[in-house]
Amino acid sequence: QAVADELPPILVTKKFSFLGIDRTGATNSEVLITDVLGQEWLADFEVEKQENGDWRVKGCVVKANPGQRA
């Protein structure tokens, strides 16, 4: 519910693309999200591996995409 309250673009996604994984320090995954209104957002997910081998989101920062990537 916390994600739903703070990050509505993630929940009303029209499409998304994984842009890559950064493993320097923490493991982060960057995702380009397009919402149903066509607005693009960059989501930076920090993930961590659990003792049972599963991966869980530890945190997420979402901001409006300032421009297109080449």
PDB file of N, CA and C in Angstrom:
ATOM      1  N   GLN A   1       0.815  -1.192   0.000  1.00  0.00           N
ATOM      2  CA  GLN A   1       0.000   0.000   0.000  1.00  0.00           C
ATOM      3  C   GLN A   1       0.860   1.258   0.000  1.00  0.00           C
ATOM      4  N   ALA A   2       2.029   1.208   0.651  1.00  0.00           N
ATOM      5  CA  ALA A   2       2.913   2.374   0.680  1.00  0.00           C
ATOM      6  C   ALA A   2       3.334   2.774  -0.729  1.00  0.00           C
ATOM      7  N   VAL A   3       3.644   1.795  -1.563  1.00  0.00           N
ATOM      8  CA  VAL A   3       4.018   2.090  -2.942  1.00  0.00           C
ATOM      9  C   VAL A   3       2.837   2.710  -3.679  1.00  0.00           C
ATOM     10  N   ALA A   4       1.637   2.181  -3.463  1.00  0.00           N
ATOM     11  CA  ALA A   4       0.446   2.708  -4.128  1.00  0.00           C
ATOM     12  C   ALA A   4       0.196   4.164  -3.754  1.00  0.00           C
ATOM     13  N   ASP A   5       0.422   4.527  -2.509  1.00  0.00           N
ATOM     14  CA  ASP A   5       0.192   5.893  -2.051  1.00  0.00           C
ATOM     15  C   ASP A   5       1.244   6.864  -2.566  1.00  0.00           C
ATOM     16  N   GLU A   6       2.482   6.434  -2.625  1.00  0.00           N
ATOM     17  CA  GLU A   6       3.582   7.329  -2.969  1.00  0.00           C
ATOM     18  C   GLU A   6       3.954   7.326  -4.447  1.00  0.00           C
ATOM     19  N   LEU A   7       3.707   6.232  -5.154  1.00  0.00           N
ATOM     20  CA  LEU A   7       4.208   6.090  -6.515  1.00  0.00           C
ATOM     21  C   LEU A   7       3.131   5.617  -7.488  1.00  0.00           C
ATOM     22  N   PRO A   8       2.047   6.376  -7.677  1.00  0.00           N
ATOM     23  CA  PRO A   8       0.973   5.899  -8.551  1.00  0.00           C
ATOM     24  C   PRO A   8       1.380   5.576  -9.977  1.00  0.00           C
ATOM     25  N   PRO A   9       2.413   6.223 -10.595  1.00  0.00           N
ATOM     26  CA  PRO A   9       2.765   5.848 -11.968  1.00  0.00           C
ATOM     27  C   PRO A   9       3.125   4.371 -12.120  1.00  0.00           C
ATOM     28  N   ILE A  10       3.672   3.773 -11.076  1.00  0.00           N
ATOM     29  CA  ILE A  10       4.045   2.360 -11.140  1.00  0.00           C
ATOM     30  C   ILE A  10       2.814   1.481 -11.259  1.00  0.00           C
ATOM     31  N   LEU A  11       1.717   1.910 -10.658  1.00  0.00           N
ATOM     32  CA  LEU A  11       0.514   1.084 -10.635  1.00  0.00           C
ATOM     33  C   LEU A  11      -0.373   1.265 -11.859  1.00  0.00           C
ATOM     34  N   VAL A  12      -0.218   2.347 -12.585  1.00  0.00           N
ATOM     35  CA  VAL A  12      -1.033   2.602 -13.775  1.00  0.00           C
ATOM     36  C   VAL A  12      -0.148   2.641 -15.017  1.00  0.00           C
ATOM     37  N   THR A  13       0.718   1.669 -15.120  1.00  0.00           N
ATOM     38  CA  THR A  13       1.709   1.605 -16.185  1.00  0.00           C
ATOM     39  C   THR A  13       1.083   1.126 -17.490  1.00  0.00           C
ATOM     40  N   LYS A  14       1.354   1.861 -18.562  1.00  0.00           N
ATOM     41  CA  LYS A  14       0.952   1.433 -19.895  1.00  0.00           C
ATOM     42  C   LYS A  14       2.024   0.529 -20.491  1.00  0.00           C
ATOM     43  N   LYS A  15       3.311   0.922 -20.279  1.00  0.00           N
ATOM     44  CA  LYS A  15       4.426   0.081 -20.721  1.00  0.00           C
ATOM     45  C   LYS A  15       5.647   0.404 -19.871  1.00  0.00           C
ATOM     46  N   PHE A  16       6.616  -0.498 -19.886  1.00  0.00           N
ATOM     47  CA  PHE A  16       7.847  -0.275 -19.144  1.00  0.00           C
ATOM     48  C   PHE A  16       9.001  -0.967 -19.854  1.00  0.00           C
ATOM     49  N   SER A  17      10.208  -0.453 -19.597  1.00  0.00           N
ATOM     50  CA  SER A  17      11.423  -1.031 -20.166  1.00  0.00           C
ATOM     51  C   SER A  17      12.504  -1.034 -19.109  1.00  0.00           C
ATOM     52  N   PHE A  18      13.158  -2.176 -18.935  1.00  0.00           N
ATOM     53  CA  PHE A  18      14.298  -2.253 -18.036  1.00  0.00           C
ATOM     54  C   PHE A  18      15.493  -1.643 -18.747  1.00  0.00           C
ATOM     55  N   LEU A  19      16.140  -0.669 -18.110  1.00  0.00           N
ATOM     56  CA  LEU A  19      17.255   0.036 -18.730  1.00  0.00           C
ATOM     57  C   LEU A  19      18.606  -0.513 -18.307  1.00  0.00           C
ATOM     58  N   GLY A  20      18.622  -1.306 -17.251  1.00  0.00           N
ATOM     59  CA  GLY A  20      19.888  -1.888 -16.839  1.00  0.00           C
ATOM     60  C   GLY A  20      19.984  -2.080 -15.347  1.00  0.00           C
ATOM     61  N   ILE A  21      21.037  -2.760 -14.951  1.00  0.00           N
ATOM     62  CA  ILE A  21      21.300  -3.047 -13.548  1.00  0.00           C
ATOM     63  C   ILE A  21      22.672  -2.499 -13.197  1.00  0.00           C
ATOM     64  N   ASP A  22      22.739  -1.824 -12.069  1.00  0.00           N
ATOM     65  CA  ASP A  22      24.001  -1.287 -11.557  1.00  0.00           C
ATOM     66  C   ASP A  22      24.325  -2.055 -10.290  1.00  0.00           C
ATOM     67  N   ARG A  23      25.480  -2.706 -10.273  1.00  0.00           N
ATOM     68  CA  ARG A  23      25.843  -3.515  -9.108  1.00  0.00           C
ATOM     69  C   ARG A  23      26.998  -2.908  -8.318  1.00  0.00           C
ATOM     70  N   THR A  24      27.209  -1.610  -8.437  1.00  0.00           N
ATOM     71  CA  THR A  24      28.249  -0.956  -7.643  1.00  0.00           C
ATOM     72  C   THR A  24      27.631  -0.565  -6.311  1.00  0.00           C
ATOM     73  N   GLY A  25      28.126  -1.119  -5.237  1.00  0.00           N
ATOM     74  CA  GLY A  25      27.519  -0.900  -3.920  1.00  0.00           C
ATOM     75  C   GLY A  25      26.255  -1.716  -3.812  1.00  0.00           C
ATOM     76  N   ALA A  26      25.120  -1.053  -3.761  1.00  0.00           N
ATOM     77  CA  ALA A  26      23.834  -1.747  -3.732  1.00  0.00           C
ATOM     78  C   ALA A  26      23.485  -2.184  -5.160  1.00  0.00           C
ATOM     79  N   THR A  27      22.562  -3.117  -5.284  1.00  0.00           N
ATOM     80  CA  THR A  27      22.100  -3.540  -6.598  1.00  0.00           C
ATOM     81  C   THR A  27      20.877  -2.717  -6.961  1.00  0.00           C
ATOM     82  N   ASN A  28      20.995  -1.938  -8.045  1.00  0.00           N
ATOM     83  CA  ASN A  28      19.901  -1.088  -8.488  1.00  0.00           C
ATOM     84  C   ASN A  28      19.486  -1.467  -9.897  1.00  0.00           C
ATOM     85  N   SER A  29      18.192  -1.356 -10.167  1.00  0.00           N
ATOM     86  CA  SER A  29      17.655  -1.608 -11.490  1.00  0.00           C
ATOM     87  C   SER A  29      16.886  -0.370 -11.919  1.00  0.00           C
ATOM     88  N   GLU A  30      17.238   0.181 -13.082  1.00  0.00           N
ATOM     89  CA  GLU A  30      16.564   1.370 -13.581  1.00  0.00           C
ATOM     90  C   GLU A  30      15.500   0.948 -14.589  1.00  0.00           C
ATOM     91  N   VAL A  31      14.299   1.522 -14.447  1.00  0.00           N
ATOM     92  CA  VAL A  31      13.167   1.163 -15.293  1.00  0.00           C
ATOM     93  C   VAL A  31      12.536   2.436 -15.840  1.00  0.00           C
ATOM     94  N   LEU A  32      12.280   2.471 -17.143  1.00  0.00           N
ATOM     95  CA  LEU A  32      11.552   3.565 -17.764  1.00  0.00           C
ATOM     96  C   LEU A  32      10.084   3.165 -17.812  1.00  0.00           C
ATOM     97  N   ILE A  33       9.230   3.978 -17.210  1.00  0.00           N
ATOM     98  CA  ILE A  33       7.797   3.682 -17.119  1.00  0.00           C
ATOM     99  C   ILE A  33       7.024   4.733 -17.901  1.00  0.00           C
ATOM    100  N   THR A  34       6.059   4.296 -18.700  1.00  0.00           N
ATOM    101  CA  THR A  34       5.126   5.203 -19.361  1.00  0.00           C
ATOM    102  C   THR A  34       3.752   4.949 -18.764  1.00  0.00           C
ATOM    103  N   ASP A  35       3.151   6.016 -18.192  1.00  0.00           N
ATOM    104  CA  ASP A  35       1.834   5.837 -17.573  1.00  0.00           C
ATOM    105  C   ASP A  35       0.737   5.931 -18.631  1.00  0.00           C
ATOM    106  N   VAL A  36      -0.510   5.751 -18.225  1.00  0.00           N
ATOM    107  CA  VAL A  36      -1.628   5.735 -19.170  1.00  0.00           C
ATOM    108  C   VAL A  36      -1.862   7.080 -19.838  1.00  0.00           C
ATOM    109  N   LEU A  37      -1.287   8.154 -19.291  1.00  0.00           N
ATOM    110  CA  LEU A  37      -1.412   9.477 -19.899  1.00  0.00           C
ATOM    111  C   LEU A  37      -0.260   9.787 -20.855  1.00  0.00           C
ATOM    112  N   GLY A  38       0.697   8.859 -20.983  1.00  0.00           N
ATOM    113  CA  GLY A  38       1.836   9.042 -21.865  1.00  0.00           C
ATOM    114  C   GLY A  38       3.037   9.697 -21.216  1.00  0.00           C
ATOM    115  N   GLN A  39       2.944  10.050 -19.941  1.00  0.00           N
ATOM    116  CA  GLN A  39       4.061  10.648 -19.209  1.00  0.00           C
ATOM    117  C   GLN A  39       5.105   9.577 -18.919  1.00  0.00           C
ATOM    118  N   GLU A  40       6.380   9.908 -19.111  1.00  0.00           N
ATOM    119  CA  GLU A  40       7.457   8.963 -18.816  1.00  0.00           C
ATOM    120  C   GLU A  40       8.075   9.262 -17.460  1.00  0.00           C
ATOM    121  N   TRP A  41       8.422   8.202 -16.757  1.00  0.00           N
ATOM    122  CA  TRP A  41       9.025   8.268 -15.428  1.00  0.00           C
ATOM    123  C   TRP A  41      10.236   7.362 -15.382  1.00  0.00           C
ATOM    124  N   LEU A  42      11.257   7.753 -14.634  1.00  0.00           N
ATOM    125  CA  LEU A  42      12.403   6.891 -14.374  1.00  0.00           C
ATOM    126  C   LEU A  42      12.285   6.373 -12.951  1.00  0.00           C
ATOM    127  N   ALA A  43      12.282   5.070 -12.810  1.00  0.00           N
ATOM    128  CA  ALA A  43      12.203   4.443 -11.490  1.00  0.00           C
ATOM    129  C   ALA A  43      13.519   3.731 -11.216  1.00  0.00           C
ATOM    130  N   ASP A  44      14.123   4.037 -10.097  1.00  0.00           N
ATOM    131  CA  ASP A  44      15.378   3.410  -9.679  1.00  0.00           C
ATOM    132  C   ASP A  44      15.061   2.520  -8.482  1.00  0.00           C
ATOM    133  N   PHE A  45      15.042   1.212  -8.721  1.00  0.00           N
ATOM    134  CA  PHE A  45      14.712   0.239  -7.684  1.00  0.00           C
ATOM    135  C   PHE A  45      15.997  -0.285  -7.042  1.00  0.00           C
ATOM    136  N   GLU A  46      16.097  -0.189  -5.730  1.00  0.00           N
ATOM    137  CA  GLU A  46      17.188  -0.846  -5.006  1.00  0.00           C
ATOM    138  C   GLU A  46      16.660  -2.198  -4.556  1.00  0.00           C
ATOM    139  N   VAL A  47      17.355  -3.258  -4.935  1.00  0.00           N
ATOM    140  CA  VAL A  47      16.915  -4.607  -4.586  1.00  0.00           C
ATOM    141  C   VAL A  47      17.997  -5.304  -3.779  1.00  0.00           C
ATOM    142  N   GLU A  48      17.565  -6.268  -2.979  1.00  0.00           N
ATOM    143  CA  GLU A  48      18.541  -7.051  -2.223  1.00  0.00           C
ATOM    144  C   GLU A  48      18.127  -8.513  -2.233  1.00  0.00           C
ATOM    145  N   LYS A  49      19.130  -9.378  -2.253  1.00  0.00           N
ATOM    146  CA  LYS A  49      18.892 -10.817  -2.271  1.00  0.00           C
ATOM    147  C   LYS A  49      18.622 -11.294  -0.854  1.00  0.00           C
ATOM    148  N   GLN A  50      17.567 -12.080  -0.711  1.00  0.00           N
ATOM    149  CA  GLN A  50      17.177 -12.634   0.577  1.00  0.00           C
ATOM    150  C   GLN A  50      17.941 -13.933   0.847  1.00  0.00           C
ATOM    151  N   GLU A  51      17.917 -14.372   2.077  1.00  0.00           N
ATOM    152  CA  GLU A  51      18.609 -15.616   2.446  1.00  0.00           C
ATOM    153  C   GLU A  51      18.091 -16.813   1.672  1.00  0.00           C
ATOM    154  N   ASN A  52      16.799 -16.795   1.297  1.00  0.00           N
ATOM    155  CA  ASN A  52      16.220 -17.924   0.562  1.00  0.00           C
ATOM    156  C   ASN A  52      16.473 -17.841  -0.942  1.00  0.00           C
ATOM    157  N   GLY A  53      17.212 -16.780  -1.391  1.00  0.00           N
ATOM    158  CA  GLY A  53      17.544 -16.633  -2.802  1.00  0.00           C
ATOM    159  C   GLY A  53      16.628 -15.706  -3.579  1.00  0.00           C
ATOM    160  N   ASP A  54      15.489 -15.331  -2.993  1.00  0.00           N
ATOM    161  CA  ASP A  54      14.571 -14.403  -3.650  1.00  0.00           C
ATOM    162  C   ASP A  54      15.151 -12.994  -3.646  1.00  0.00           C
ATOM    163  N   TRP A  55      14.728 -12.178  -4.598  1.00  0.00           N
ATOM    164  CA  TRP A  55      15.101 -10.770  -4.650  1.00  0.00           C
ATOM    165  C   TRP A  55      13.896  -9.940  -4.231  1.00  0.00           C
ATOM    166  N   ARG A  56      14.111  -8.946  -3.385  1.00  0.00           N
ATOM    167  CA  ARG A  56      13.037  -8.065  -2.890  1.00  0.00           C
ATOM    168  C   ARG A  56      13.442  -6.609  -3.081  1.00  0.00           C
ATOM    169  N   VAL A  57      12.449  -5.773  -3.368  1.00  0.00           N
ATOM    170  CA  VAL A  57      12.697  -4.339  -3.486  1.00  0.00           C
ATOM    171  C   VAL A  57      12.929  -3.767  -2.094  1.00  0.00           C
ATOM    172  N   LYS A  58      14.047  -3.091  -1.946  1.00  0.00           N
ATOM    173  CA  LYS A  58      14.393  -2.455  -0.673  1.00  0.00           C
ATOM    174  C   LYS A  58      13.954  -0.990  -0.664  1.00  0.00           C
ATOM    175  N   GLY A  59      13.966  -0.376  -1.820  1.00  0.00           N
ATOM    176  CA  GLY A  59      13.560   1.014  -1.938  1.00  0.00           C
ATOM    177  C   GLY A  59      13.376   1.381  -3.400  1.00  0.00           C
ATOM    178  N   CYS A  60      12.719   2.513  -3.636  1.00  0.00           N
ATOM    179  CA  CYS A  60      12.464   2.947  -5.002  1.00  0.00           C
ATOM    180  C   CYS A  60      12.362   4.472  -5.036  1.00  0.00           C
ATOM    181  N   VAL A  61      13.000   5.060  -6.040  1.00  0.00           N
ATOM    182  CA  VAL A  61      12.888   6.498  -6.277  1.00  0.00           C
ATOM    183  C   VAL A  61      12.330   6.663  -7.682  1.00  0.00           C
ATOM    184  N   VAL A  62      11.246   7.443  -7.800  1.00  0.00           N
ATOM    185  CA  VAL A  62      10.622   7.688  -9.095  1.00  0.00           C
ATOM    186  C   VAL A  62      10.648   9.182  -9.362  1.00  0.00           C
ATOM    187  N   LYS A  63      11.065   9.530 -10.583  1.00  0.00           N
ATOM    188  CA  LYS A  63      11.048  10.946 -10.966  1.00  0.00           C
ATOM    189  C   LYS A  63      10.625  11.059 -12.423  1.00  0.00           C
ATOM    190  N   ALA A  64      10.093  12.213 -12.796  1.00  0.00           N
ATOM    191  CA  ALA A  64       9.690  12.440 -14.167  1.00  0.00           C
ATOM    192  C   ALA A  64      10.916  12.337 -15.059  1.00  0.00           C
ATOM    193  N   ASN A  65      10.761  11.736 -16.227  1.00  0.00           N
ATOM    194  CA  ASN A  65      11.867  11.596 -17.174  1.00  0.00           C
ATOM    195  C   ASN A  65      12.140  12.955 -17.798  1.00  0.00           C
ATOM    196  N   PRO A  66      13.347  13.500 -17.604  1.00  0.00           N
ATOM    197  CA  PRO A  66      13.638  14.831 -18.130  1.00  0.00           C
ATOM    198  C   PRO A  66      13.832  14.886 -19.645  1.00  0.00           C
ATOM    199  N   GLY A  67      13.980  13.757 -20.289  1.00  0.00           N
ATOM    200  CA  GLY A  67      14.183  13.733 -21.738  1.00  0.00           C
ATOM    201  C   GLY A  67      14.308  12.313 -22.230  1.00  0.00           C
ATOM    202  N   GLN A  68      14.453  12.171 -23.516  1.00  0.00           N
ATOM    203  CA  GLN A  68      14.572  10.844 -24.113  1.00  0.00           C
ATOM    204  C   GLN A  68      16.021  10.381 -24.085  1.00  0.00           C
ATOM    205  N   ARG A  69      16.215   9.080 -23.945  1.00  0.00           N
ATOM    206  CA  ARG A  69      17.550   8.493 -24.033  1.00  0.00           C
ATOM    207  C   ARG A  69      17.857   8.157 -25.473  1.00  0.00           C
ATOM    208  N   ALA A  70      19.110   8.283 -25.839  1.00  0.00           N
ATOM    209  CA  ALA A  70      19.520   7.950 -27.209  1.00  0.00           C
ATOM    210  C   ALA A  70      19.700   6.461 -27.362  1.00  0.00           C
TER     211      ALA A  70
END
